[in-house]
Amino acid sequence: MSHKPEGYPTASPYLLVREAEKTLQFLESVFDAERLRVIAGEDGQSIAHAEARLGDSVVMMGQTPDAAPSHVHVYRPDVDDCFARAKAAGGEVVQPPKQGADGDYRGGVADANGIVWWISEQRG
C-alpha cells in the first residue's frame, strides 16, 4: 500500500469554495476534468470534499461559506479553444489571452466561485 492514492501527484492545490458543484462542473466543461472522490457533508446535501483530475494533476476543494479567492495556472495545448469553453461555461474574463514575456500565451477566467483559472500555453 502506498502513502497516497494511485495516480495522485505529490502535491495538489486545495481550494475553498462556496459551491463545490459549480467548480466541478466548470472543470468538467472547460478542462475535460474527471471527478474523483466527492464526499457529502454531514447534512447530506452539501459537499464536504471533492477532487477532480486535470491531466496529470488533481485539484481538491472543500465547500465553506468562508471561501477564499484563489488562482490556479493550467497548461493546455489550445488556449483559445479552452478559453472559449470557459466563457461558454459562464466564466468571467479577468484577462483575455495574450503573449507574455515568459513565453506563455495566457488568459484568465473566473468561475462561479471566483476562482481564477489562468489558461496557458508555452509558445515561445
N, C-alpha and C. Protein backbone atom coordinates (compact mmCIF):
# COMPACT_ATOMS: atom_id res chain seq x y z
N MET A 1 0.85 -1.19 0.00
CA MET A 1 0.00 0.00 0.00
C MET A 1 0.89 1.24 0.00
N SER A 2 0.54 2.18 -0.84
CA SER A 2 1.29 3.42 -0.97
C SER A 2 0.83 4.46 0.04
N HIS A 3 1.62 5.47 0.21
CA HIS A 3 1.27 6.56 1.13
C HIS A 3 0.25 7.53 0.53
N LYS A 4 -0.13 7.32 -0.77
CA LYS A 4 -1.11 8.19 -1.42
C LYS A 4 -1.90 7.35 -2.41
N PRO A 5 -3.09 7.82 -2.82
CA PRO A 5 -3.87 7.06 -3.81
C PRO A 5 -3.09 6.92 -5.12
N GLU A 6 -3.25 5.80 -5.78
CA GLU A 6 -2.57 5.55 -7.04
C GLU A 6 -2.95 6.61 -8.07
N GLY A 7 -1.95 7.14 -8.75
CA GLY A 7 -2.18 8.13 -9.79
C GLY A 7 -2.29 9.56 -9.30
N TYR A 8 -2.18 9.77 -7.99
CA TYR A 8 -2.27 11.13 -7.44
C TYR A 8 -0.88 11.76 -7.40
N PRO A 9 -0.78 13.07 -7.65
CA PRO A 9 0.51 13.74 -7.56
C PRO A 9 0.92 13.92 -6.10
N THR A 10 2.15 14.29 -5.89
CA THR A 10 2.64 14.51 -4.53
C THR A 10 1.99 15.74 -3.90
N ALA A 11 1.74 16.78 -4.69
CA ALA A 11 1.11 17.99 -4.17
C ALA A 11 -0.07 18.37 -5.06
N SER A 12 -1.14 18.86 -4.44
CA SER A 12 -2.35 19.29 -5.16
C SER A 12 -2.85 20.59 -4.57
N PRO A 13 -3.36 21.50 -5.42
CA PRO A 13 -3.99 22.70 -4.85
C PRO A 13 -5.26 22.30 -4.11
N TYR A 14 -5.55 22.99 -3.01
CA TYR A 14 -6.78 22.76 -2.26
C TYR A 14 -7.53 24.09 -2.20
N LEU A 15 -8.68 24.13 -2.85
CA LEU A 15 -9.47 25.34 -2.97
C LEU A 15 -10.60 25.34 -1.95
N LEU A 16 -10.88 26.48 -1.37
CA LEU A 16 -12.05 26.66 -0.51
C LEU A 16 -13.08 27.44 -1.33
N VAL A 17 -14.22 26.81 -1.60
CA VAL A 17 -15.23 27.40 -2.47
C VAL A 17 -16.59 27.41 -1.77
N ARG A 18 -17.48 28.30 -2.22
CA ARG A 18 -18.82 28.37 -1.65
C ARG A 18 -19.69 27.22 -2.15
N GLU A 19 -19.55 26.87 -3.43
CA GLU A 19 -20.36 25.81 -4.03
C GLU A 19 -19.46 24.90 -4.87
N ALA A 20 -19.02 23.80 -4.28
CA ALA A 20 -18.09 22.90 -4.95
C ALA A 20 -18.66 22.34 -6.25
N GLU A 21 -19.94 22.07 -6.29
CA GLU A 21 -20.55 21.51 -7.51
C GLU A 21 -20.34 22.44 -8.71
N LYS A 22 -20.42 23.75 -8.49
CA LYS A 22 -20.22 24.70 -9.60
C LYS A 22 -18.79 24.63 -10.14
N THR A 23 -17.82 24.54 -9.25
CA THR A 23 -16.44 24.45 -9.71
C THR A 23 -16.19 23.10 -10.38
N LEU A 24 -16.76 22.02 -9.87
CA LEU A 24 -16.63 20.71 -10.51
C LEU A 24 -17.19 20.74 -11.93
N GLN A 25 -18.37 21.32 -12.10
CA GLN A 25 -18.99 21.41 -13.42
C GLN A 25 -18.14 22.26 -14.37
N PHE A 26 -17.59 23.36 -13.86
CA PHE A 26 -16.72 24.23 -14.65
C PHE A 26 -15.50 23.44 -15.12
N LEU A 27 -14.87 22.70 -14.22
CA LEU A 27 -13.68 21.93 -14.57
C LEU A 27 -13.99 20.86 -15.62
N GLU A 28 -15.14 20.22 -15.49
CA GLU A 28 -15.53 19.21 -16.47
C GLU A 28 -15.78 19.85 -17.85
N SER A 29 -16.47 20.97 -17.88
CA SER A 29 -16.81 21.63 -19.14
C SER A 29 -15.60 22.24 -19.84
N VAL A 30 -14.71 22.83 -19.07
CA VAL A 30 -13.59 23.58 -19.64
C VAL A 30 -12.36 22.71 -19.88
N PHE A 31 -12.01 21.87 -18.92
CA PHE A 31 -10.76 21.12 -18.97
C PHE A 31 -10.95 19.62 -19.18
N ASP A 32 -12.19 19.19 -19.43
CA ASP A 32 -12.47 17.75 -19.55
C ASP A 32 -12.02 17.00 -18.29
N ALA A 33 -12.17 17.64 -17.14
CA ALA A 33 -11.75 17.04 -15.88
C ALA A 33 -12.58 15.81 -15.55
N GLU A 34 -11.97 14.91 -14.81
CA GLU A 34 -12.63 13.69 -14.34
C GLU A 34 -12.86 13.82 -12.83
N ARG A 35 -14.10 13.65 -12.41
CA ARG A 35 -14.38 13.66 -10.97
C ARG A 35 -13.74 12.45 -10.33
N LEU A 36 -13.17 12.66 -9.18
CA LEU A 36 -12.62 11.55 -8.42
C LEU A 36 -13.49 11.37 -7.18
N ARG A 37 -12.96 11.61 -6.01
CA ARG A 37 -13.75 11.44 -4.78
C ARG A 37 -14.60 12.69 -4.52
N VAL A 38 -15.87 12.46 -4.23
CA VAL A 38 -16.78 13.54 -3.82
C VAL A 38 -17.47 13.04 -2.55
N ILE A 39 -17.22 13.76 -1.46
CA ILE A 39 -17.73 13.33 -0.14
C ILE A 39 -18.77 14.32 0.33
N ALA A 40 -19.96 13.80 0.61
CA ALA A 40 -21.07 14.65 1.05
C ALA A 40 -20.81 15.19 2.45
N GLY A 41 -21.36 16.39 2.70
CA GLY A 41 -21.28 16.99 4.03
C GLY A 41 -22.23 16.27 4.99
N GLU A 42 -22.15 16.63 6.24
CA GLU A 42 -22.98 15.98 7.27
C GLU A 42 -24.47 16.14 7.00
N ASP A 43 -24.86 17.22 6.32
CA ASP A 43 -26.28 17.45 6.02
C ASP A 43 -26.77 16.59 4.85
N GLY A 44 -25.86 15.90 4.17
CA GLY A 44 -26.22 15.06 3.04
C GLY A 44 -26.48 15.82 1.75
N GLN A 45 -26.50 17.14 1.79
CA GLN A 45 -26.78 17.97 0.62
C GLN A 45 -25.54 18.69 0.11
N SER A 46 -24.72 19.15 1.01
CA SER A 46 -23.52 19.91 0.62
C SER A 46 -22.38 18.94 0.31
N ILE A 47 -21.28 19.50 -0.17
CA ILE A 47 -20.09 18.71 -0.46
C ILE A 47 -19.01 19.12 0.54
N ALA A 48 -18.56 18.16 1.33
CA ALA A 48 -17.51 18.44 2.31
C ALA A 48 -16.14 18.49 1.63
N HIS A 49 -15.94 17.61 0.65
CA HIS A 49 -14.65 17.49 -0.03
C HIS A 49 -14.89 16.94 -1.42
N ALA A 50 -14.14 17.45 -2.40
CA ALA A 50 -14.24 16.95 -3.77
C ALA A 50 -12.88 17.03 -4.44
N GLU A 51 -12.72 16.18 -5.45
CA GLU A 51 -11.47 16.13 -6.20
C GLU A 51 -11.77 15.95 -7.69
N ALA A 52 -10.94 16.53 -8.53
CA ALA A 52 -11.07 16.36 -9.97
C ALA A 52 -9.68 16.24 -10.58
N ARG A 53 -9.54 15.34 -11.55
CA ARG A 53 -8.26 15.15 -12.25
C ARG A 53 -8.26 16.01 -13.51
N LEU A 54 -7.20 16.81 -13.65
CA LEU A 54 -6.95 17.60 -14.85
C LEU A 54 -5.61 17.12 -15.39
N GLY A 55 -5.63 16.34 -16.43
CA GLY A 55 -4.38 15.81 -16.98
C GLY A 55 -3.64 15.02 -15.93
N ASP A 56 -2.41 15.45 -15.60
CA ASP A 56 -1.60 14.74 -14.61
C ASP A 56 -1.70 15.35 -13.22
N SER A 57 -2.70 16.20 -13.00
CA SER A 57 -2.86 16.87 -11.70
C SER A 57 -4.22 16.55 -11.08
N VAL A 58 -4.31 16.76 -9.79
CA VAL A 58 -5.57 16.61 -9.07
C VAL A 58 -5.83 17.91 -8.32
N VAL A 59 -7.01 18.49 -8.54
CA VAL A 59 -7.44 19.68 -7.82
C VAL A 59 -8.42 19.22 -6.75
N MET A 60 -8.17 19.65 -5.51
CA MET A 60 -9.05 19.31 -4.40
C MET A 60 -9.77 20.55 -3.92
N MET A 61 -10.95 20.35 -3.34
CA MET A 61 -11.69 21.51 -2.84
C MET A 61 -12.58 21.13 -1.67
N GLY A 62 -12.81 22.11 -0.83
CA GLY A 62 -13.74 21.97 0.27
C GLY A 62 -14.77 23.08 0.16
N GLN A 63 -15.99 22.76 0.55
CA GLN A 63 -17.08 23.73 0.46
C GLN A 63 -17.26 24.41 1.82
N THR A 64 -17.26 25.73 1.81
CA THR A 64 -17.40 26.51 3.04
C THR A 64 -17.96 27.89 2.73
N PRO A 65 -18.75 28.46 3.62
CA PRO A 65 -19.22 29.83 3.38
C PRO A 65 -18.08 30.85 3.50
N ASP A 66 -16.96 30.44 4.09
CA ASP A 66 -15.79 31.31 4.25
C ASP A 66 -14.77 31.05 3.14
N ALA A 67 -15.25 30.99 1.90
CA ALA A 67 -14.39 30.69 0.76
C ALA A 67 -13.29 31.72 0.62
N ALA A 68 -12.16 31.28 0.10
CA ALA A 68 -11.02 32.17 -0.11
C ALA A 68 -10.75 32.29 -1.60
N PRO A 69 -10.52 33.52 -2.10
CA PRO A 69 -10.20 33.66 -3.52
C PRO A 69 -8.87 32.98 -3.82
N SER A 70 -8.81 32.30 -4.96
CA SER A 70 -7.60 31.57 -5.35
C SER A 70 -7.37 31.72 -6.84
N HIS A 71 -6.15 31.40 -7.25
CA HIS A 71 -5.76 31.40 -8.65
C HIS A 71 -5.08 30.07 -8.93
N VAL A 72 -5.40 29.47 -10.10
CA VAL A 72 -4.77 28.21 -10.50
C VAL A 72 -4.30 28.38 -11.94
N HIS A 73 -3.06 28.00 -12.19
CA HIS A 73 -2.45 28.08 -13.52
C HIS A 73 -2.53 26.70 -14.15
N VAL A 74 -3.10 26.62 -15.37
CA VAL A 74 -3.28 25.33 -16.05
C VAL A 74 -2.72 25.44 -17.47
N TYR A 75 -1.78 24.55 -17.80
CA TYR A 75 -1.28 24.49 -19.17
C TYR A 75 -2.21 23.64 -20.02
N ARG A 76 -2.55 24.15 -21.20
CA ARG A 76 -3.41 23.45 -22.15
C ARG A 76 -2.81 23.60 -23.54
N PRO A 77 -3.05 22.64 -24.45
CA PRO A 77 -2.46 22.74 -25.78
C PRO A 77 -3.13 23.75 -26.69
N ASP A 78 -4.36 24.19 -26.38
CA ASP A 78 -5.06 25.16 -27.23
C ASP A 78 -5.78 26.17 -26.34
N VAL A 79 -5.09 27.23 -25.99
CA VAL A 79 -5.62 28.24 -25.07
C VAL A 79 -6.91 28.85 -25.61
N ASP A 80 -6.93 29.22 -26.88
CA ASP A 80 -8.11 29.91 -27.41
C ASP A 80 -9.37 29.05 -27.32
N ASP A 81 -9.27 27.77 -27.66
CA ASP A 81 -10.41 26.87 -27.57
C ASP A 81 -10.85 26.70 -26.12
N CYS A 82 -9.89 26.48 -25.25
CA CYS A 82 -10.19 26.29 -23.83
C CYS A 82 -10.79 27.56 -23.23
N PHE A 83 -10.27 28.70 -23.62
CA PHE A 83 -10.78 29.99 -23.13
C PHE A 83 -12.23 30.19 -23.58
N ALA A 84 -12.53 29.84 -24.82
CA ALA A 84 -13.91 29.94 -25.32
C ALA A 84 -14.83 29.01 -24.55
N ARG A 85 -14.36 27.81 -24.23
CA ARG A 85 -15.15 26.87 -23.43
C ARG A 85 -15.40 27.43 -22.03
N ALA A 86 -14.40 28.09 -21.47
CA ALA A 86 -14.55 28.68 -20.13
C ALA A 86 -15.61 29.77 -20.14
N LYS A 87 -15.60 30.62 -21.17
CA LYS A 87 -16.62 31.67 -21.28
C LYS A 87 -18.01 31.06 -21.48
N ALA A 88 -18.10 30.02 -22.31
CA ALA A 88 -19.38 29.35 -22.55
C ALA A 88 -19.92 28.68 -21.28
N ALA A 89 -19.01 28.29 -20.39
CA ALA A 89 -19.41 27.65 -19.12
C ALA A 89 -19.75 28.69 -18.05
N GLY A 90 -19.83 29.96 -18.44
CA GLY A 90 -20.21 31.01 -17.50
C GLY A 90 -19.04 31.73 -16.87
N GLY A 91 -17.83 31.46 -17.33
CA GLY A 91 -16.66 32.13 -16.76
C GLY A 91 -16.63 33.61 -17.07
N GLU A 92 -16.11 34.37 -16.13
CA GLU A 92 -15.97 35.82 -16.29
C GLU A 92 -14.52 36.13 -16.67
N VAL A 93 -14.33 36.82 -17.78
CA VAL A 93 -12.98 37.11 -18.27
C VAL A 93 -12.29 38.08 -17.31
N VAL A 94 -11.12 37.67 -16.84
CA VAL A 94 -10.26 38.51 -16.00
C VAL A 94 -9.20 39.17 -16.88
N GLN A 95 -8.68 38.38 -17.82
CA GLN A 95 -7.70 38.89 -18.79
C GLN A 95 -7.82 38.07 -20.07
N PRO A 96 -8.07 38.72 -21.20
CA PRO A 96 -8.11 37.97 -22.47
C PRO A 96 -6.72 37.36 -22.73
N PRO A 97 -6.67 36.25 -23.47
CA PRO A 97 -5.36 35.65 -23.78
C PRO A 97 -4.44 36.63 -24.49
N LYS A 98 -3.19 36.63 -24.07
CA LYS A 98 -2.17 37.45 -24.73
C LYS A 98 -0.81 36.81 -24.47
N GLN A 99 0.14 37.17 -25.32
CA GLN A 99 1.50 36.65 -25.20
C GLN A 99 2.23 37.34 -24.07
N GLY A 100 2.85 36.58 -23.20
CA GLY A 100 3.62 37.14 -22.09
C GLY A 100 5.11 37.10 -22.36
N ALA A 101 5.86 37.88 -21.62
CA ALA A 101 7.32 37.94 -21.78
C ALA A 101 7.99 36.63 -21.40
N ASP A 102 7.29 35.77 -20.61
CA ASP A 102 7.86 34.49 -20.20
C ASP A 102 7.68 33.39 -21.22
N GLY A 103 7.10 33.72 -22.40
CA GLY A 103 6.89 32.73 -23.44
C GLY A 103 5.52 32.08 -23.38
N ASP A 104 4.75 32.37 -22.35
CA ASP A 104 3.41 31.80 -22.23
C ASP A 104 2.37 32.71 -22.87
N TYR A 105 1.48 32.10 -23.62
CA TYR A 105 0.29 32.76 -24.14
C TYR A 105 -0.80 32.37 -23.15
N ARG A 106 -1.39 33.37 -22.42
CA ARG A 106 -2.33 33.02 -21.36
C ARG A 106 -3.42 34.04 -21.19
N GLY A 107 -4.53 33.55 -20.65
CA GLY A 107 -5.64 34.40 -20.27
C GLY A 107 -6.25 33.88 -18.99
N GLY A 108 -6.99 34.74 -18.29
CA GLY A 108 -7.59 34.36 -17.02
C GLY A 108 -9.11 34.44 -17.06
N VAL A 109 -9.75 33.43 -16.47
CA VAL A 109 -11.21 33.36 -16.40
C VAL A 109 -11.59 32.94 -14.98
N ALA A 110 -12.56 33.66 -14.39
CA ALA A 110 -13.05 33.32 -13.05
C ALA A 110 -14.29 32.44 -13.17
N ASP A 111 -14.34 31.37 -12.37
CA ASP A 111 -15.53 30.52 -12.35
C ASP A 111 -16.59 31.13 -11.42
N ALA A 112 -17.70 30.44 -11.24
CA ALA A 112 -18.82 30.95 -10.44
C ALA A 112 -18.46 31.16 -8.97
N ASN A 113 -17.39 30.54 -8.50
CA ASN A 113 -16.93 30.71 -7.12
C ASN A 113 -15.84 31.76 -7.00
N GLY A 114 -15.47 32.39 -8.13
CA GLY A 114 -14.44 33.41 -8.10
C GLY A 114 -13.02 32.88 -8.20
N ILE A 115 -12.87 31.57 -8.41
CA ILE A 115 -11.54 31.01 -8.61
C ILE A 115 -11.08 31.45 -10.00
N VAL A 116 -9.89 32.03 -10.10
CA VAL A 116 -9.37 32.47 -11.39
C VAL A 116 -8.48 31.37 -11.95
N TRP A 117 -8.84 30.92 -13.14
CA TRP A 117 -8.12 29.87 -13.86
C TRP A 117 -7.30 30.54 -14.95
N TRP A 118 -5.97 30.46 -14.82
CA TRP A 118 -5.06 31.04 -15.81
C TRP A 118 -4.75 29.93 -16.81
N ILE A 119 -5.30 30.07 -18.00
CA ILE A 119 -5.17 29.06 -19.05
C ILE A 119 -3.99 29.47 -19.92
N SER A 120 -3.00 28.60 -20.02
CA SER A 120 -1.72 28.98 -20.60
C SER A 120 -1.17 27.92 -21.54
N GLU A 121 -0.38 28.41 -22.51
CA GLU A 121 0.29 27.55 -23.47
C GLU A 121 1.65 28.16 -23.76
N GLN A 122 2.71 27.37 -23.65
CA GLN A 122 4.05 27.86 -23.95
C GLN A 122 4.18 28.00 -25.46
N ARG A 123 4.47 29.23 -25.91
CA ARG A 123 4.56 29.50 -27.34
C ARG A 123 5.87 30.14 -27.75
N GLY A 124 6.75 30.33 -26.85
CA GLY A 124 7.97 30.94 -27.34
C GLY A 124 8.83 31.42 -26.31
